[in-house]
């Protein structure tokens, strides 16, 4: 994997290049840049600063985004983060409406005020993630791991939670009862 700095990636993108698969972008500062439509398949973006970046329609399948800052980033309109590693990533205020996050590892991620309307989070790992004020309405969370997650201030209206895992530390919005849905209590 070749290490590429932020200036080089921006220059190559502006020249029309879109495929940065398996590129080492760990620690780069790409805050506020437009990389919409880029192909970052299995790229290394650990600890990268992507805050406020336009990542709409970006393919980040299997990318390593551990501890990356994606706060206020735009990751909607078909962005694919399936099987990506987003452990401890900062996604506060990010727009991920309609994004594909199937089997994504979001363990300990900061998703406060994130917009995940109609996001596809099937079998995603959200253990210990921060979801205060997150909009998960109409999201597909079937089979997701929600153990230890505070969802008390999240919007879960019309979300699909079939087969999701939860435990006694999972906190639900007022009036929400997981016993009414086919979910798995796992301690």
N, C-alpha and C. Protein backbone atom coordinates (compact mmCIF):
# COMPACT_ATOMS: atom_id res chain seq x y z
N UNK A 1 0.84 -1.18 0.00
CA UNK A 1 0.00 0.00 0.00
C UNK A 1 0.89 1.25 0.00
N UNK A 2 0.69 2.11 -0.97
CA UNK A 2 1.49 3.33 -1.07
C UNK A 2 0.92 4.44 -0.19
N UNK A 3 1.78 5.13 0.56
CA UNK A 3 1.37 6.27 1.38
C UNK A 3 1.20 7.48 0.46
N UNK A 4 0.07 8.16 0.58
CA UNK A 4 -0.22 9.33 -0.23
C UNK A 4 -0.61 10.46 0.72
N UNK A 5 -0.10 11.67 0.48
CA UNK A 5 -0.47 12.78 1.34
C UNK A 5 -1.72 13.48 0.80
N UNK A 6 -2.30 14.34 1.61
CA UNK A 6 -3.55 15.01 1.27
C UNK A 6 -3.48 15.84 0.00
N UNK A 7 -2.38 16.58 -0.20
CA UNK A 7 -2.25 17.43 -1.39
C UNK A 7 -2.23 16.59 -2.66
N UNK A 8 -1.53 15.46 -2.61
CA UNK A 8 -1.45 14.59 -3.78
C UNK A 8 -2.80 14.00 -4.15
N UNK A 9 -3.55 13.55 -3.13
CA UNK A 9 -4.85 12.95 -3.41
C UNK A 9 -5.81 13.98 -3.99
N UNK A 10 -5.77 15.21 -3.47
CA UNK A 10 -6.63 16.27 -3.98
C UNK A 10 -6.26 16.59 -5.43
N UNK A 11 -4.98 16.69 -5.71
CA UNK A 11 -4.51 16.99 -7.06
C UNK A 11 -4.92 15.90 -8.05
N UNK A 12 -4.74 14.65 -7.64
CA UNK A 12 -5.11 13.53 -8.51
C UNK A 12 -6.62 13.49 -8.73
N UNK A 13 -7.40 13.78 -7.68
CA UNK A 13 -8.86 13.79 -7.80
C UNK A 13 -9.29 14.91 -8.76
N UNK A 14 -8.70 16.09 -8.61
CA UNK A 14 -9.05 17.23 -9.46
C UNK A 14 -8.65 16.99 -10.91
N UNK A 15 -7.68 16.12 -11.15
CA UNK A 15 -7.26 15.76 -12.51
C UNK A 15 -8.16 14.69 -13.12
N UNK A 16 -9.15 14.23 -12.36
CA UNK A 16 -10.10 13.25 -12.87
C UNK A 16 -9.94 11.84 -12.36
N UNK A 17 -8.87 11.57 -11.60
CA UNK A 17 -8.69 10.23 -11.06
C UNK A 17 -9.70 9.99 -9.95
N UNK A 18 -10.28 8.79 -9.91
CA UNK A 18 -11.27 8.47 -8.89
C UNK A 18 -10.94 7.20 -8.11
N UNK A 19 -10.08 6.35 -8.64
CA UNK A 19 -9.79 5.08 -8.00
C UNK A 19 -8.54 5.17 -7.12
N UNK A 20 -8.80 5.16 -5.81
CA UNK A 20 -7.72 5.19 -4.83
C UNK A 20 -7.79 3.94 -3.95
N UNK A 21 -8.16 2.83 -4.55
CA UNK A 21 -8.29 1.56 -3.85
C UNK A 21 -6.97 1.18 -3.19
N UNK A 22 -7.08 0.66 -1.98
CA UNK A 22 -5.93 0.14 -1.22
C UNK A 22 -4.82 1.17 -1.03
N UNK A 23 -5.16 2.44 -1.06
CA UNK A 23 -4.18 3.51 -0.85
C UNK A 23 -4.03 3.78 0.64
N UNK A 24 -2.81 4.07 1.08
CA UNK A 24 -2.54 4.40 2.47
C UNK A 24 -2.70 5.91 2.64
N UNK A 25 -3.81 6.29 3.25
CA UNK A 25 -4.12 7.69 3.54
C UNK A 25 -4.21 7.92 5.04
N UNK A 26 -3.55 7.06 5.79
CA UNK A 26 -3.64 7.16 7.25
C UNK A 26 -3.09 8.50 7.72
N UNK A 27 -3.85 9.16 8.57
CA UNK A 27 -3.44 10.42 9.18
C UNK A 27 -3.51 11.65 8.28
N UNK A 28 -3.98 11.52 7.04
CA UNK A 28 -4.02 12.69 6.14
C UNK A 28 -5.13 13.66 6.54
N UNK A 29 -4.94 14.93 6.19
CA UNK A 29 -5.96 15.95 6.44
C UNK A 29 -6.69 16.23 5.13
N UNK A 30 -7.91 15.74 5.04
CA UNK A 30 -8.77 15.97 3.89
C UNK A 30 -10.05 16.67 4.33
N UNK A 31 -9.94 17.47 5.37
CA UNK A 31 -11.12 18.15 5.91
C UNK A 31 -11.68 19.12 4.88
N UNK A 32 -13.00 19.06 4.70
CA UNK A 32 -13.70 19.97 3.81
C UNK A 32 -13.53 19.73 2.33
N UNK A 33 -12.80 18.69 1.92
CA UNK A 33 -12.57 18.46 0.49
C UNK A 33 -13.74 17.73 -0.15
N UNK A 34 -13.84 17.82 -1.46
CA UNK A 34 -14.87 17.11 -2.23
C UNK A 34 -14.22 15.91 -2.89
N UNK A 35 -14.58 14.72 -2.41
CA UNK A 35 -14.12 13.47 -3.00
C UNK A 35 -15.32 12.64 -3.46
N UNK A 36 -16.43 13.32 -3.76
CA UNK A 36 -17.65 12.59 -4.14
C UNK A 36 -17.38 11.68 -5.32
N UNK A 37 -17.91 10.47 -5.23
CA UNK A 37 -17.76 9.49 -6.28
C UNK A 37 -16.43 8.76 -6.30
N UNK A 38 -15.55 9.04 -5.34
CA UNK A 38 -14.24 8.37 -5.31
C UNK A 38 -14.40 6.90 -4.92
N UNK A 39 -13.45 6.09 -5.34
CA UNK A 39 -13.43 4.66 -5.05
C UNK A 39 -12.26 4.42 -4.10
N UNK A 40 -12.59 4.21 -2.81
CA UNK A 40 -11.58 4.02 -1.77
C UNK A 40 -11.69 2.62 -1.16
N UNK A 41 -11.93 1.66 -2.01
CA UNK A 41 -12.07 0.26 -1.62
C UNK A 41 -10.86 -0.19 -0.81
N UNK A 42 -11.10 -0.64 0.42
CA UNK A 42 -10.07 -1.15 1.33
C UNK A 42 -8.90 -0.18 1.55
N UNK A 43 -9.18 1.11 1.44
CA UNK A 43 -8.14 2.13 1.70
C UNK A 43 -7.87 2.22 3.20
N UNK A 44 -6.67 2.65 3.56
CA UNK A 44 -6.28 2.85 4.95
C UNK A 44 -6.44 4.33 5.27
N UNK A 45 -7.48 4.65 6.05
CA UNK A 45 -7.79 6.02 6.43
C UNK A 45 -7.77 6.17 7.95
N UNK A 46 -6.99 5.34 8.63
CA UNK A 46 -6.92 5.42 10.09
C UNK A 46 -6.49 6.82 10.50
N UNK A 47 -7.21 7.38 11.47
CA UNK A 47 -6.92 8.69 12.07
C UNK A 47 -6.90 9.83 11.03
N UNK A 48 -7.49 9.63 9.86
CA UNK A 48 -7.55 10.69 8.85
C UNK A 48 -8.58 11.74 9.28
N UNK A 49 -8.36 12.98 8.88
CA UNK A 49 -9.31 14.06 9.15
C UNK A 49 -10.14 14.29 7.89
N UNK A 50 -11.39 13.82 7.93
CA UNK A 50 -12.33 13.98 6.83
C UNK A 50 -13.52 14.82 7.27
N UNK A 51 -13.33 15.62 8.30
CA UNK A 51 -14.44 16.41 8.83
C UNK A 51 -14.94 17.39 7.76
N UNK A 52 -16.26 17.44 7.60
CA UNK A 52 -16.88 18.35 6.64
C UNK A 52 -16.65 17.98 5.19
N UNK A 53 -16.04 16.83 4.91
CA UNK A 53 -15.76 16.43 3.53
C UNK A 53 -17.03 15.97 2.82
N UNK A 54 -17.06 16.15 1.50
CA UNK A 54 -18.15 15.64 0.68
C UNK A 54 -17.74 14.27 0.17
N UNK A 55 -18.32 13.24 0.77
CA UNK A 55 -18.02 11.86 0.43
C UNK A 55 -19.27 11.16 -0.11
N UNK A 56 -20.19 11.94 -0.69
CA UNK A 56 -21.38 11.35 -1.29
C UNK A 56 -20.98 10.41 -2.42
N UNK A 57 -21.67 9.29 -2.49
CA UNK A 57 -21.45 8.27 -3.52
C UNK A 57 -20.05 7.66 -3.48
N UNK A 58 -19.33 7.79 -2.38
CA UNK A 58 -17.98 7.23 -2.26
C UNK A 58 -18.08 5.76 -1.89
N UNK A 59 -17.21 4.94 -2.47
CA UNK A 59 -17.16 3.52 -2.14
C UNK A 59 -16.00 3.31 -1.16
N UNK A 60 -16.36 3.09 0.11
CA UNK A 60 -15.39 2.84 1.17
C UNK A 60 -15.52 1.40 1.68
N UNK A 61 -15.94 0.50 0.81
CA UNK A 61 -16.12 -0.89 1.18
C UNK A 61 -14.83 -1.43 1.79
N UNK A 62 -14.94 -1.98 3.00
CA UNK A 62 -13.80 -2.61 3.66
C UNK A 62 -12.68 -1.66 4.07
N UNK A 63 -12.92 -0.35 4.01
CA UNK A 63 -11.89 0.63 4.36
C UNK A 63 -11.62 0.63 5.86
N UNK A 64 -10.41 0.98 6.24
CA UNK A 64 -10.02 1.09 7.64
C UNK A 64 -10.09 2.56 8.03
N UNK A 65 -11.13 2.90 8.78
CA UNK A 65 -11.38 4.28 9.22
C UNK A 65 -11.33 4.39 10.74
N UNK A 66 -10.57 3.50 11.38
CA UNK A 66 -10.49 3.55 12.84
C UNK A 66 -9.99 4.92 13.28
N UNK A 67 -10.69 5.50 14.24
CA UNK A 67 -10.35 6.78 14.87
C UNK A 67 -10.30 7.95 13.88
N UNK A 68 -10.91 7.79 12.71
CA UNK A 68 -10.96 8.89 11.73
C UNK A 68 -11.99 9.92 12.18
N UNK A 69 -11.78 11.17 11.80
CA UNK A 69 -12.72 12.25 12.10
C UNK A 69 -13.57 12.51 10.86
N UNK A 70 -14.82 12.07 10.90
CA UNK A 70 -15.77 12.28 9.82
C UNK A 70 -16.92 13.17 10.29
N UNK A 71 -16.67 14.00 11.30
CA UNK A 71 -17.72 14.85 11.83
C UNK A 71 -18.22 15.79 10.73
N UNK A 72 -19.54 15.92 10.65
CA UNK A 72 -20.22 16.78 9.68
C UNK A 72 -19.91 16.43 8.22
N UNK A 73 -19.38 15.24 7.95
CA UNK A 73 -19.12 14.81 6.57
C UNK A 73 -20.44 14.41 5.90
N UNK A 74 -20.44 14.48 4.58
CA UNK A 74 -21.59 14.04 3.79
C UNK A 74 -21.26 12.67 3.21
N UNK A 75 -21.97 11.66 3.69
CA UNK A 75 -21.74 10.27 3.27
C UNK A 75 -23.05 9.65 2.81
N UNK A 76 -23.84 10.38 2.05
CA UNK A 76 -25.14 9.87 1.64
C UNK A 76 -25.15 9.63 0.13
N UNK A 77 -26.33 9.57 -0.42
CA UNK A 77 -26.51 9.38 -1.86
C UNK A 77 -25.77 8.16 -2.38
N UNK A 78 -25.92 7.05 -1.66
CA UNK A 78 -25.33 5.80 -2.12
C UNK A 78 -23.92 5.53 -1.64
N UNK A 79 -23.43 6.26 -0.66
CA UNK A 79 -22.09 5.96 -0.12
C UNK A 79 -22.09 4.53 0.42
N UNK A 80 -21.03 3.79 0.15
CA UNK A 80 -20.92 2.41 0.59
C UNK A 80 -19.80 2.27 1.60
N UNK A 81 -20.19 1.99 2.87
CA UNK A 81 -19.24 1.76 3.94
C UNK A 81 -19.38 0.33 4.48
N UNK A 82 -19.94 -0.55 3.68
CA UNK A 82 -20.13 -1.93 4.11
C UNK A 82 -18.79 -2.57 4.45
N UNK A 83 -18.80 -3.32 5.55
CA UNK A 83 -17.63 -4.04 6.06
C UNK A 83 -16.45 -3.12 6.38
N UNK A 84 -16.69 -1.82 6.50
CA UNK A 84 -15.63 -0.88 6.88
C UNK A 84 -15.40 -0.97 8.39
N UNK A 85 -14.21 -0.59 8.81
CA UNK A 85 -13.85 -0.56 10.23
C UNK A 85 -13.88 0.89 10.69
N UNK A 86 -14.92 1.23 11.43
CA UNK A 86 -15.10 2.59 11.94
C UNK A 86 -15.04 2.63 13.46
N UNK A 87 -14.29 1.69 14.05
CA UNK A 87 -14.18 1.68 15.50
C UNK A 87 -13.61 3.00 15.99
N UNK A 88 -14.27 3.57 16.98
CA UNK A 88 -13.85 4.81 17.65
C UNK A 88 -13.80 6.01 16.69
N UNK A 89 -14.43 5.92 15.53
CA UNK A 89 -14.46 7.04 14.59
C UNK A 89 -15.42 8.12 15.10
N UNK A 90 -15.16 9.35 14.70
CA UNK A 90 -16.03 10.48 15.08
C UNK A 90 -16.91 10.79 13.87
N UNK A 91 -18.20 10.53 14.03
CA UNK A 91 -19.17 10.74 12.96
C UNK A 91 -20.27 11.71 13.41
N UNK A 92 -19.98 12.51 14.42
CA UNK A 92 -20.97 13.44 14.96
C UNK A 92 -21.43 14.41 13.87
N UNK A 93 -22.75 14.51 13.69
CA UNK A 93 -23.32 15.42 12.72
C UNK A 93 -23.17 14.98 11.28
N UNK A 94 -22.64 13.79 11.03
CA UNK A 94 -22.46 13.31 9.65
C UNK A 94 -23.80 12.95 9.03
N UNK A 95 -23.95 13.22 7.73
CA UNK A 95 -25.15 12.84 6.99
C UNK A 95 -24.87 11.54 6.27
N UNK A 96 -25.45 10.46 6.78
CA UNK A 96 -25.27 9.14 6.18
C UNK A 96 -26.61 8.58 5.75
N UNK A 97 -27.54 9.47 5.37
CA UNK A 97 -28.86 9.01 4.96
C UNK A 97 -28.74 8.12 3.72
N UNK A 98 -29.34 6.96 3.81
CA UNK A 98 -29.33 6.01 2.72
C UNK A 98 -28.00 5.30 2.49
N UNK A 99 -27.02 5.52 3.35
CA UNK A 99 -25.70 4.90 3.17
C UNK A 99 -25.75 3.40 3.47
N UNK A 100 -24.88 2.65 2.80
CA UNK A 100 -24.75 1.22 3.05
C UNK A 100 -23.70 0.97 4.11
N UNK A 101 -24.13 0.44 5.25
CA UNK A 101 -23.23 0.17 6.37
C UNK A 101 -23.39 -1.28 6.83
N UNK A 102 -23.64 -2.18 5.89
CA UNK A 102 -23.86 -3.58 6.22
C UNK A 102 -22.58 -4.19 6.79
N UNK A 103 -22.72 -4.85 7.94
CA UNK A 103 -21.60 -5.51 8.64
C UNK A 103 -20.45 -4.56 8.95
N UNK A 104 -20.74 -3.31 9.13
CA UNK A 104 -19.73 -2.31 9.46
C UNK A 104 -19.47 -2.34 10.96
N UNK A 105 -18.20 -2.20 11.35
CA UNK A 105 -17.83 -2.18 12.76
C UNK A 105 -17.80 -0.74 13.24
N UNK A 106 -18.81 -0.36 14.01
CA UNK A 106 -18.92 0.98 14.57
C UNK A 106 -18.76 0.96 16.09
N UNK A 107 -18.04 -0.03 16.60
CA UNK A 107 -17.83 -0.17 18.04
C UNK A 107 -17.21 1.10 18.60
N UNK A 108 -17.86 1.69 19.59
CA UNK A 108 -17.35 2.87 20.26
C UNK A 108 -17.34 4.13 19.42
N UNK A 109 -17.98 4.11 18.25
CA UNK A 109 -18.01 5.30 17.38
C UNK A 109 -18.88 6.39 17.99
N UNK A 110 -18.55 7.63 17.66
CA UNK A 110 -19.30 8.80 18.13
C UNK A 110 -20.24 9.22 17.01
N UNK A 111 -21.52 8.88 17.16
CA UNK A 111 -22.53 9.16 16.14
C UNK A 111 -23.57 10.18 16.63
N UNK A 112 -23.20 11.00 17.60
CA UNK A 112 -24.14 11.97 18.14
C UNK A 112 -24.62 12.91 17.03
N UNK A 113 -25.91 13.11 16.97
CA UNK A 113 -26.57 14.00 15.99
C UNK A 113 -26.35 13.58 14.54
N UNK A 114 -25.91 12.34 14.31
CA UNK A 114 -25.73 11.86 12.93
C UNK A 114 -27.10 11.63 12.30
N UNK A 115 -27.15 11.74 10.99
CA UNK A 115 -28.39 11.56 10.23
C UNK A 115 -28.27 10.25 9.46
N UNK A 116 -28.94 9.21 9.97
CA UNK A 116 -28.88 7.87 9.38
C UNK A 116 -30.26 7.44 8.85
N UNK A 117 -31.04 8.40 8.38
CA UNK A 117 -32.36 8.13 7.81
C UNK A 117 -32.22 7.14 6.66
N UNK A 118 -32.96 6.04 6.75
CA UNK A 118 -32.96 4.98 5.73
C UNK A 118 -31.57 4.36 5.49
N UNK A 119 -30.68 4.47 6.45
CA UNK A 119 -29.36 3.84 6.31
C UNK A 119 -29.51 2.33 6.44
N UNK A 120 -28.63 1.61 5.79
CA UNK A 120 -28.64 0.14 5.78
C UNK A 120 -27.56 -0.34 6.73
N UNK A 121 -27.95 -0.64 7.99
CA UNK A 121 -27.04 -1.04 9.05
C UNK A 121 -27.22 -2.51 9.43
N UNK A 122 -27.65 -3.30 8.49
CA UNK A 122 -27.90 -4.72 8.75
C UNK A 122 -26.62 -5.39 9.26
N UNK A 123 -26.73 -6.04 10.43
CA UNK A 123 -25.64 -6.76 11.08
C UNK A 123 -24.43 -5.89 11.42
N UNK A 124 -24.64 -4.59 11.55
CA UNK A 124 -23.57 -3.68 11.96
C UNK A 124 -23.30 -3.86 13.45
N UNK A 125 -22.07 -3.62 13.85
CA UNK A 125 -21.67 -3.72 15.25
C UNK A 125 -21.62 -2.31 15.83
N UNK A 126 -22.60 -1.98 16.66
CA UNK A 126 -22.70 -0.66 17.27
C UNK A 126 -22.45 -0.70 18.77
N UNK A 127 -21.84 -1.77 19.27
CA UNK A 127 -21.61 -1.88 20.71
C UNK A 127 -20.90 -0.64 21.24
N UNK A 128 -21.42 -0.12 22.34
CA UNK A 128 -20.84 1.02 23.06
C UNK A 128 -20.74 2.30 22.23
N UNK A 129 -21.42 2.37 21.09
CA UNK A 129 -21.41 3.59 20.27
C UNK A 129 -22.25 4.67 20.94
N UNK A 130 -21.90 5.93 20.68
CA UNK A 130 -22.66 7.06 21.19
C UNK A 130 -23.65 7.49 20.11
N UNK A 131 -24.94 7.43 20.44
CA UNK A 131 -25.97 7.73 19.45
C UNK A 131 -26.95 8.80 19.94
N UNK A 132 -26.49 9.72 20.78
CA UNK A 132 -27.36 10.77 21.31
C UNK A 132 -27.89 11.68 20.21
N UNK A 133 -29.21 11.75 20.10
CA UNK A 133 -29.83 12.63 19.11
C UNK A 133 -29.69 12.16 17.67
N UNK A 134 -29.33 10.90 17.48
CA UNK A 134 -29.14 10.36 16.13
C UNK A 134 -30.48 10.02 15.50
N UNK A 135 -30.64 10.36 14.22
CA UNK A 135 -31.85 10.04 13.49
C UNK A 135 -31.66 8.71 12.77
N UNK A 136 -32.31 7.67 13.30
CA UNK A 136 -32.27 6.34 12.72
C UNK A 136 -33.63 5.95 12.14
N UNK A 137 -34.47 6.94 11.84
CA UNK A 137 -35.80 6.63 11.33
C UNK A 137 -35.70 5.92 9.99
N UNK A 138 -36.49 4.87 9.86
CA UNK A 138 -36.55 4.01 8.68
C UNK A 138 -35.23 3.31 8.36
N UNK A 139 -34.29 3.30 9.30
CA UNK A 139 -33.01 2.60 9.09
C UNK A 139 -33.23 1.09 9.25
N UNK A 140 -32.43 0.32 8.54
CA UNK A 140 -32.47 -1.14 8.67
C UNK A 140 -31.36 -1.56 9.64
N UNK A 141 -31.76 -1.87 10.87
CA UNK A 141 -30.84 -2.31 11.91
C UNK A 141 -31.02 -3.80 12.21
N UNK A 142 -31.60 -4.53 11.27
CA UNK A 142 -31.86 -5.95 11.51
C UNK A 142 -30.53 -6.69 11.73
N UNK A 143 -30.50 -7.46 12.79
CA UNK A 143 -29.30 -8.22 13.14
C UNK A 143 -28.16 -7.40 13.70
N UNK A 144 -28.36 -6.09 13.90
CA UNK A 144 -27.29 -5.22 14.43
C UNK A 144 -27.03 -5.54 15.90
N UNK A 145 -25.82 -5.26 16.35
CA UNK A 145 -25.45 -5.47 17.75
C UNK A 145 -25.55 -4.13 18.47
N UNK A 146 -26.55 -4.00 19.33
CA UNK A 146 -26.82 -2.76 20.05
C UNK A 146 -26.53 -2.88 21.54
N UNK A 147 -25.70 -3.83 21.92
CA UNK A 147 -25.40 -4.02 23.34
C UNK A 147 -24.65 -2.81 23.89
N UNK A 148 -25.16 -2.29 25.01
CA UNK A 148 -24.52 -1.17 25.70
C UNK A 148 -24.72 0.17 25.02
N UNK A 149 -25.64 0.28 24.09
CA UNK A 149 -25.87 1.52 23.35
C UNK A 149 -26.97 2.34 24.01
N UNK A 150 -26.75 3.64 24.14
CA UNK A 150 -27.75 4.56 24.68
C UNK A 150 -28.53 5.13 23.50
N UNK A 151 -29.73 4.61 23.29
CA UNK A 151 -30.62 5.06 22.22
C UNK A 151 -31.75 5.93 22.77
N UNK A 152 -31.62 6.36 24.02
CA UNK A 152 -32.72 7.07 24.67
C UNK A 152 -33.10 8.37 23.98
N UNK A 153 -32.16 9.02 23.30
CA UNK A 153 -32.47 10.27 22.61
C UNK A 153 -32.42 10.11 21.09
N UNK A 154 -32.40 8.86 20.61
CA UNK A 154 -32.35 8.60 19.17
C UNK A 154 -33.76 8.49 18.60
N UNK A 155 -33.90 8.79 17.32
CA UNK A 155 -35.17 8.64 16.62
C UNK A 155 -35.17 7.28 15.95
N UNK A 156 -36.01 6.36 16.44
CA UNK A 156 -36.10 5.01 15.90
C UNK A 156 -37.41 4.77 15.15
N UNK A 157 -38.13 5.82 14.78
CA UNK A 157 -39.43 5.63 14.15
C UNK A 157 -39.29 4.85 12.84
N UNK A 158 -40.08 3.80 12.73
CA UNK A 158 -40.12 2.91 11.57
C UNK A 158 -38.78 2.23 11.26
N UNK A 159 -37.88 2.17 12.24
CA UNK A 159 -36.61 1.45 12.04
C UNK A 159 -36.87 -0.05 12.12
N UNK A 160 -36.15 -0.84 11.33
CA UNK A 160 -36.26 -2.29 11.36
C UNK A 160 -35.22 -2.82 12.33
N UNK A 161 -35.69 -3.38 13.45
CA UNK A 161 -34.81 -3.91 14.49
C UNK A 161 -34.93 -5.42 14.63
N UNK A 162 -35.51 -6.09 13.65
CA UNK A 162 -35.69 -7.54 13.72
C UNK A 162 -34.35 -8.24 13.92
N UNK A 163 -34.27 -9.08 14.93
CA UNK A 163 -33.07 -9.87 15.17
C UNK A 163 -31.89 -9.10 15.73
N UNK A 164 -32.10 -7.83 16.07
CA UNK A 164 -31.00 -7.05 16.66
C UNK A 164 -30.69 -7.59 18.05
N UNK A 165 -29.43 -7.45 18.46
CA UNK A 165 -29.00 -7.89 19.79
C UNK A 165 -28.95 -6.69 20.73
N UNK A 166 -29.38 -6.90 21.95
CA UNK A 166 -29.31 -5.85 22.98
C UNK A 166 -29.05 -6.51 24.32
N UNK A 167 -28.73 -5.70 25.34
CA UNK A 167 -28.55 -6.24 26.68
C UNK A 167 -29.18 -5.29 27.70
N UNK A 168 -28.97 -5.58 28.96
CA UNK A 168 -29.59 -4.77 30.02
C UNK A 168 -29.04 -3.34 30.05
N UNK A 169 -27.89 -3.10 29.45
CA UNK A 169 -27.32 -1.75 29.42
C UNK A 169 -27.78 -0.94 28.21
N UNK A 170 -28.49 -1.57 27.28
CA UNK A 170 -29.03 -0.84 26.15
C UNK A 170 -30.17 0.04 26.64
N UNK A 171 -30.12 1.31 26.31
CA UNK A 171 -31.14 2.26 26.76
C UNK A 171 -32.00 2.66 25.57
N UNK A 172 -33.32 2.59 25.75
CA UNK A 172 -34.28 2.81 24.67
C UNK A 172 -35.01 4.14 24.83
N UNK A 173 -35.56 4.69 23.75
CA UNK A 173 -36.36 5.91 23.86
C UNK A 173 -37.59 5.65 24.75
N UNK A 174 -38.08 6.67 25.38
CA UNK A 174 -39.24 6.54 26.25
C UNK A 174 -40.41 5.93 25.47
N UNK A 175 -41.02 4.92 26.06
CA UNK A 175 -42.16 4.26 25.45
C UNK A 175 -41.81 3.14 24.49
N UNK A 176 -40.53 2.94 24.22
CA UNK A 176 -40.10 1.87 23.31
C UNK A 176 -39.90 0.60 24.12
N UNK A 177 -40.44 -0.51 23.64
CA UNK A 177 -40.31 -1.79 24.35
C UNK A 177 -39.77 -2.84 23.39
N UNK A 178 -38.50 -3.26 23.56
CA UNK A 178 -37.92 -4.25 22.65
C UNK A 178 -38.66 -5.59 22.69
N UNK A 179 -39.43 -5.85 23.74
CA UNK A 179 -40.16 -7.11 23.83
C UNK A 179 -41.25 -7.21 22.76
N UNK A 180 -41.65 -6.09 22.16
CA UNK A 180 -42.67 -6.10 21.12
C UNK A 180 -42.09 -6.44 19.75
N UNK A 181 -40.79 -6.54 19.66
CA UNK A 181 -40.10 -6.82 18.39
C UNK A 181 -39.28 -8.10 18.58
N UNK A 182 -39.11 -8.85 17.53
CA UNK A 182 -38.31 -10.06 17.58
C UNK A 182 -36.83 -9.70 17.64
N UNK A 183 -36.35 -9.43 18.88
CA UNK A 183 -34.96 -9.05 19.10
C UNK A 183 -34.33 -10.05 20.06
N UNK A 184 -33.01 -10.08 20.10
CA UNK A 184 -32.30 -11.05 20.95
C UNK A 184 -31.63 -10.36 22.13
N UNK A 185 -32.08 -10.74 23.35
CA UNK A 185 -31.44 -10.26 24.57
C UNK A 185 -30.20 -11.10 24.80
N UNK A 186 -29.02 -10.48 24.72
CA UNK A 186 -27.75 -11.19 24.86
C UNK A 186 -26.96 -10.50 25.96
N UNK A 187 -26.70 -11.19 27.03
CA UNK A 187 -25.92 -10.60 28.13
C UNK A 187 -24.53 -11.08 28.01
